[in-house]
């Protein structure tokens, strides 16, 4: 596994096992149950994407980077639409852009 996949897998496992840990640090309180479910889904996606791109070639990395860009755009939209989640969504968008840059390089 490349360092990018290792970091992505660790991030996904963290979101699956401790949903909201990052959001709790950012907001100072635990996310609600709905947000925890969403975080777990995203953690599963990160873990799956790490496993798939670790075995794939350039095409899979580009597709993964595209998924990350879409994720970043949706998080940016959430940051604009929901003031309560603005900071967490903005950080999540930044993380997705870092993953996208790593996949598309």
N, C-alpha and C. Protein backbone atom coordinates (compact mmCIF):
# COMPACT_ATOMS: atom_id res chain seq x y z
N UNK A 1 0.84 -1.19 0.00
CA UNK A 1 0.00 0.00 0.00
C UNK A 1 0.88 1.25 0.00
N UNK A 2 0.49 2.20 -0.80
CA UNK A 2 1.17 3.49 -0.79
C UNK A 2 0.78 4.25 0.47
N UNK A 3 1.55 5.25 0.83
CA UNK A 3 1.19 6.03 2.03
C UNK A 3 -0.22 6.61 1.97
N UNK A 4 -0.66 7.05 0.79
CA UNK A 4 -2.01 7.61 0.66
C UNK A 4 -3.07 6.59 1.04
N UNK A 5 -2.94 5.37 0.53
CA UNK A 5 -3.93 4.34 0.87
C UNK A 5 -3.88 3.98 2.35
N UNK A 6 -2.68 3.97 2.92
CA UNK A 6 -2.54 3.66 4.34
C UNK A 6 -3.25 4.73 5.19
N UNK A 7 -3.02 5.99 4.86
CA UNK A 7 -3.66 7.08 5.61
C UNK A 7 -5.17 7.02 5.40
N UNK A 8 -5.62 6.78 4.16
CA UNK A 8 -7.05 6.71 3.88
C UNK A 8 -7.69 5.55 4.64
N UNK A 9 -7.04 4.40 4.65
CA UNK A 9 -7.57 3.24 5.37
C UNK A 9 -7.67 3.53 6.86
N UNK A 10 -6.63 4.14 7.43
CA UNK A 10 -6.64 4.47 8.86
C UNK A 10 -7.76 5.47 9.16
N UNK A 11 -7.93 6.43 8.30
CA UNK A 11 -9.01 7.43 8.47
C UNK A 11 -10.37 6.74 8.41
N UNK A 12 -10.54 5.84 7.45
CA UNK A 12 -11.80 5.10 7.33
C UNK A 12 -12.09 4.24 8.55
N UNK A 13 -11.08 3.55 9.04
CA UNK A 13 -11.26 2.71 10.23
C UNK A 13 -11.63 3.58 11.43
N UNK A 14 -10.98 4.72 11.56
CA UNK A 14 -11.29 5.63 12.66
C UNK A 14 -12.75 6.08 12.58
N UNK A 15 -13.21 6.43 11.38
CA UNK A 15 -14.60 6.85 11.22
C UNK A 15 -15.57 5.71 11.49
N UNK A 16 -15.19 4.50 11.14
CA UNK A 16 -16.06 3.35 11.41
C UNK A 16 -16.13 3.02 12.90
N UNK A 17 -14.99 3.01 13.57
CA UNK A 17 -14.93 2.58 14.96
C UNK A 17 -15.22 3.69 15.96
N UNK A 18 -14.88 4.91 15.60
CA UNK A 18 -15.11 6.05 16.50
C UNK A 18 -15.74 7.19 15.71
N UNK A 19 -16.98 6.97 15.22
CA UNK A 19 -17.60 7.99 14.38
C UNK A 19 -17.73 9.31 15.13
N UNK A 20 -17.30 10.33 14.50
CA UNK A 20 -17.42 11.65 15.08
C UNK A 20 -16.24 12.11 15.88
N UNK A 21 -15.18 11.32 15.96
CA UNK A 21 -14.01 11.73 16.75
C UNK A 21 -13.45 13.05 16.24
N UNK A 22 -13.33 13.18 14.93
CA UNK A 22 -12.82 14.42 14.35
C UNK A 22 -13.81 15.54 14.58
N UNK A 23 -15.09 15.28 14.34
CA UNK A 23 -16.12 16.31 14.53
C UNK A 23 -16.17 16.73 16.00
N UNK A 24 -16.02 15.79 16.91
CA UNK A 24 -16.03 16.10 18.34
C UNK A 24 -14.88 17.05 18.67
N UNK A 25 -13.72 16.80 18.08
CA UNK A 25 -12.57 17.68 18.32
C UNK A 25 -12.83 19.07 17.76
N UNK A 26 -13.44 19.13 16.59
CA UNK A 26 -13.68 20.42 15.94
C UNK A 26 -14.79 21.23 16.62
N UNK A 27 -15.86 20.54 17.03
CA UNK A 27 -17.03 21.25 17.54
C UNK A 27 -17.11 21.28 19.06
N UNK A 28 -16.36 20.42 19.72
CA UNK A 28 -16.40 20.40 21.16
C UNK A 28 -17.53 19.57 21.73
N UNK A 29 -18.28 18.90 20.88
CA UNK A 29 -19.34 18.01 21.34
C UNK A 29 -19.52 16.88 20.34
N UNK A 30 -20.12 15.81 20.80
CA UNK A 30 -20.32 14.64 19.94
C UNK A 30 -21.40 14.93 18.90
N UNK A 31 -21.27 14.35 17.71
CA UNK A 31 -22.30 14.52 16.69
C UNK A 31 -23.56 13.75 17.07
N UNK A 32 -24.69 14.14 16.50
CA UNK A 32 -25.93 13.42 16.76
C UNK A 32 -25.92 12.06 16.06
N UNK A 33 -26.91 11.25 16.33
CA UNK A 33 -26.95 9.87 15.81
C UNK A 33 -26.96 9.84 14.28
N UNK A 34 -27.70 10.74 13.66
CA UNK A 34 -27.76 10.80 12.18
C UNK A 34 -26.37 11.09 11.61
N UNK A 35 -25.67 12.04 12.21
CA UNK A 35 -24.32 12.38 11.74
C UNK A 35 -23.38 11.19 11.93
N UNK A 36 -23.53 10.45 13.04
CA UNK A 36 -22.69 9.26 13.25
C UNK A 36 -22.90 8.24 12.16
N UNK A 37 -24.14 8.03 11.75
CA UNK A 37 -24.41 7.07 10.66
C UNK A 37 -23.74 7.51 9.37
N UNK A 38 -23.84 8.79 9.05
CA UNK A 38 -23.22 9.32 7.84
C UNK A 38 -21.70 9.16 7.92
N UNK A 39 -21.13 9.45 9.08
CA UNK A 39 -19.68 9.32 9.26
C UNK A 39 -19.25 7.87 9.06
N UNK A 40 -20.02 6.93 9.58
CA UNK A 40 -19.68 5.51 9.39
C UNK A 40 -19.73 5.12 7.91
N UNK A 41 -20.73 5.60 7.18
CA UNK A 41 -20.81 5.32 5.75
C UNK A 41 -19.59 5.88 5.04
N UNK A 42 -19.22 7.11 5.37
CA UNK A 42 -18.03 7.72 4.75
C UNK A 42 -16.76 6.95 5.14
N UNK A 43 -16.69 6.49 6.37
CA UNK A 43 -15.54 5.69 6.79
C UNK A 43 -15.44 4.41 5.99
N UNK A 44 -16.58 3.76 5.76
CA UNK A 44 -16.60 2.55 4.94
C UNK A 44 -16.15 2.83 3.51
N UNK A 45 -16.58 3.99 2.99
CA UNK A 45 -16.16 4.35 1.63
C UNK A 45 -14.65 4.57 1.58
N UNK A 46 -14.11 5.26 2.57
CA UNK A 46 -12.66 5.50 2.58
C UNK A 46 -11.88 4.19 2.67
N UNK A 47 -12.33 3.29 3.52
CA UNK A 47 -11.65 2.01 3.67
C UNK A 47 -11.73 1.21 2.37
N UNK A 48 -12.91 1.12 1.79
CA UNK A 48 -13.08 0.39 0.53
C UNK A 48 -12.25 1.02 -0.59
N UNK A 49 -12.26 2.35 -0.66
CA UNK A 49 -11.49 3.02 -1.70
C UNK A 49 -10.00 2.76 -1.52
N UNK A 50 -9.52 2.74 -0.30
CA UNK A 50 -8.10 2.45 -0.05
C UNK A 50 -7.74 1.06 -0.52
N UNK A 51 -8.59 0.10 -0.22
CA UNK A 51 -8.32 -1.28 -0.63
C UNK A 51 -8.37 -1.45 -2.15
N UNK A 52 -9.33 -0.81 -2.79
CA UNK A 52 -9.48 -0.94 -4.25
C UNK A 52 -8.34 -0.24 -4.97
N UNK A 53 -8.02 0.99 -4.57
CA UNK A 53 -6.97 1.71 -5.29
C UNK A 53 -5.59 1.13 -5.02
N UNK A 54 -5.41 0.46 -3.88
CA UNK A 54 -4.12 -0.17 -3.60
C UNK A 54 -3.82 -1.27 -4.61
N UNK A 55 -4.86 -1.89 -5.14
CA UNK A 55 -4.69 -2.98 -6.10
C UNK A 55 -4.81 -2.53 -7.55
N UNK A 56 -5.26 -1.31 -7.74
CA UNK A 56 -5.56 -0.85 -9.09
C UNK A 56 -4.46 -0.02 -9.71
N UNK A 57 -4.71 0.34 -10.91
CA UNK A 57 -3.75 1.15 -11.65
C UNK A 57 -4.20 2.59 -11.72
N UNK A 58 -3.68 3.26 -12.69
CA UNK A 58 -3.91 4.70 -12.87
C UNK A 58 -5.39 5.04 -13.02
N UNK A 59 -6.15 4.22 -13.73
CA UNK A 59 -7.57 4.49 -13.95
C UNK A 59 -8.33 4.48 -12.63
N UNK A 60 -8.06 3.50 -11.79
CA UNK A 60 -8.76 3.45 -10.49
C UNK A 60 -8.39 4.64 -9.61
N UNK A 61 -7.15 5.09 -9.68
CA UNK A 61 -6.75 6.26 -8.90
C UNK A 61 -7.47 7.51 -9.40
N UNK A 62 -7.61 7.64 -10.69
CA UNK A 62 -8.34 8.79 -11.24
C UNK A 62 -9.81 8.76 -10.86
N UNK A 63 -10.42 7.58 -10.92
CA UNK A 63 -11.82 7.46 -10.50
C UNK A 63 -11.95 7.79 -9.01
N UNK A 64 -11.02 7.28 -8.21
CA UNK A 64 -11.04 7.59 -6.77
C UNK A 64 -10.88 9.07 -6.52
N UNK A 65 -10.01 9.70 -7.27
CA UNK A 65 -9.83 11.15 -7.13
C UNK A 65 -11.09 11.91 -7.51
N UNK A 66 -11.80 11.42 -8.52
CA UNK A 66 -13.07 12.03 -8.91
C UNK A 66 -14.11 11.91 -7.79
N UNK A 67 -14.15 10.75 -7.16
CA UNK A 67 -15.06 10.56 -6.02
C UNK A 67 -14.69 11.54 -4.90
N UNK A 68 -13.41 11.72 -4.66
CA UNK A 68 -12.97 12.65 -3.62
C UNK A 68 -13.36 14.09 -3.95
N UNK A 69 -13.25 14.47 -5.21
CA UNK A 69 -13.65 15.82 -5.62
C UNK A 69 -15.15 16.02 -5.38
N UNK A 70 -15.95 15.02 -5.76
CA UNK A 70 -17.40 15.11 -5.53
C UNK A 70 -17.68 15.23 -4.03
N UNK A 71 -16.97 14.45 -3.23
CA UNK A 71 -17.13 14.52 -1.78
C UNK A 71 -16.80 15.93 -1.28
N UNK A 72 -15.71 16.49 -1.76
CA UNK A 72 -15.31 17.84 -1.34
C UNK A 72 -16.37 18.87 -1.70
N UNK A 73 -16.93 18.76 -2.89
CA UNK A 73 -17.96 19.71 -3.33
C UNK A 73 -19.21 19.59 -2.46
N UNK A 74 -19.62 18.36 -2.15
CA UNK A 74 -20.81 18.20 -1.32
C UNK A 74 -20.56 18.70 0.10
N UNK A 75 -19.36 18.51 0.62
CA UNK A 75 -19.05 19.03 1.96
C UNK A 75 -19.00 20.56 1.94
N UNK A 76 -18.49 21.14 0.87
CA UNK A 76 -18.48 22.61 0.75
C UNK A 76 -19.92 23.13 0.70
N UNK A 77 -20.80 22.42 -0.01
CA UNK A 77 -22.21 22.82 -0.07
C UNK A 77 -22.85 22.72 1.32
N UNK A 78 -22.54 21.65 2.05
CA UNK A 78 -23.07 21.49 3.40
C UNK A 78 -22.56 22.60 4.31
N UNK A 79 -21.30 22.95 4.16
CA UNK A 79 -20.73 24.04 4.98
C UNK A 79 -21.47 25.34 4.73
N UNK A 80 -21.87 25.57 3.49
CA UNK A 80 -22.61 26.78 3.16
C UNK A 80 -24.06 26.74 3.60
N UNK A 81 -24.63 25.54 3.66
CA UNK A 81 -26.07 25.41 3.94
C UNK A 81 -26.39 25.24 5.43
N UNK A 82 -25.48 24.71 6.21
CA UNK A 82 -25.78 24.39 7.61
C UNK A 82 -24.73 25.01 8.53
N UNK A 83 -25.05 26.16 9.12
CA UNK A 83 -24.08 26.83 9.98
C UNK A 83 -23.59 25.97 11.15
N UNK A 84 -24.42 25.06 11.65
CA UNK A 84 -24.02 24.20 12.77
C UNK A 84 -22.91 23.24 12.37
N UNK A 85 -22.86 22.86 11.12
CA UNK A 85 -21.86 21.89 10.65
C UNK A 85 -20.78 22.55 9.78
N UNK A 86 -20.79 23.86 9.72
CA UNK A 86 -19.90 24.58 8.80
C UNK A 86 -18.44 24.21 9.00
N UNK A 87 -17.95 24.29 10.20
CA UNK A 87 -16.52 24.03 10.45
C UNK A 87 -16.15 22.58 10.15
N UNK A 88 -16.96 21.64 10.63
CA UNK A 88 -16.68 20.22 10.39
C UNK A 88 -16.75 19.90 8.90
N UNK A 89 -17.74 20.45 8.20
CA UNK A 89 -17.88 20.19 6.76
C UNK A 89 -16.71 20.80 5.98
N UNK A 90 -16.28 21.99 6.37
CA UNK A 90 -15.16 22.63 5.68
C UNK A 90 -13.87 21.81 5.86
N UNK A 91 -13.64 21.32 7.06
CA UNK A 91 -12.45 20.48 7.30
C UNK A 91 -12.56 19.18 6.51
N UNK A 92 -13.76 18.58 6.48
CA UNK A 92 -13.97 17.35 5.73
C UNK A 92 -13.73 17.59 4.24
N UNK A 93 -14.17 18.75 3.74
CA UNK A 93 -13.92 19.09 2.33
C UNK A 93 -12.42 19.21 2.07
N UNK A 94 -11.69 19.83 2.99
CA UNK A 94 -10.25 19.97 2.82
C UNK A 94 -9.56 18.61 2.81
N UNK A 95 -9.98 17.71 3.70
CA UNK A 95 -9.41 16.36 3.73
C UNK A 95 -9.67 15.65 2.41
N UNK A 96 -10.90 15.78 1.90
CA UNK A 96 -11.25 15.13 0.63
C UNK A 96 -10.40 15.70 -0.51
N UNK A 97 -10.11 17.00 -0.49
CA UNK A 97 -9.27 17.58 -1.53
C UNK A 97 -7.83 17.08 -1.45
N UNK A 98 -7.34 16.87 -0.24
CA UNK A 98 -5.99 16.32 -0.08
C UNK A 98 -5.95 14.90 -0.66
N UNK A 99 -6.97 14.10 -0.34
CA UNK A 99 -7.04 12.74 -0.90
C UNK A 99 -7.14 12.81 -2.43
N UNK A 100 -7.95 13.73 -2.95
CA UNK A 100 -8.11 13.86 -4.40
C UNK A 100 -6.79 14.21 -5.06
N UNK A 101 -6.06 15.15 -4.46
CA UNK A 101 -4.76 15.54 -5.02
C UNK A 101 -3.81 14.36 -5.04
N UNK A 102 -3.83 13.55 -4.00
CA UNK A 102 -2.99 12.37 -3.95
C UNK A 102 -3.35 11.35 -5.00
N UNK A 103 -4.64 11.18 -5.25
CA UNK A 103 -5.10 10.21 -6.25
C UNK A 103 -4.84 10.69 -7.68
N UNK A 104 -4.98 11.99 -7.91
CA UNK A 104 -4.89 12.52 -9.27
C UNK A 104 -3.47 12.91 -9.68
N UNK A 105 -2.51 12.84 -8.77
CA UNK A 105 -1.14 13.26 -9.13
C UNK A 105 -0.50 12.29 -10.10
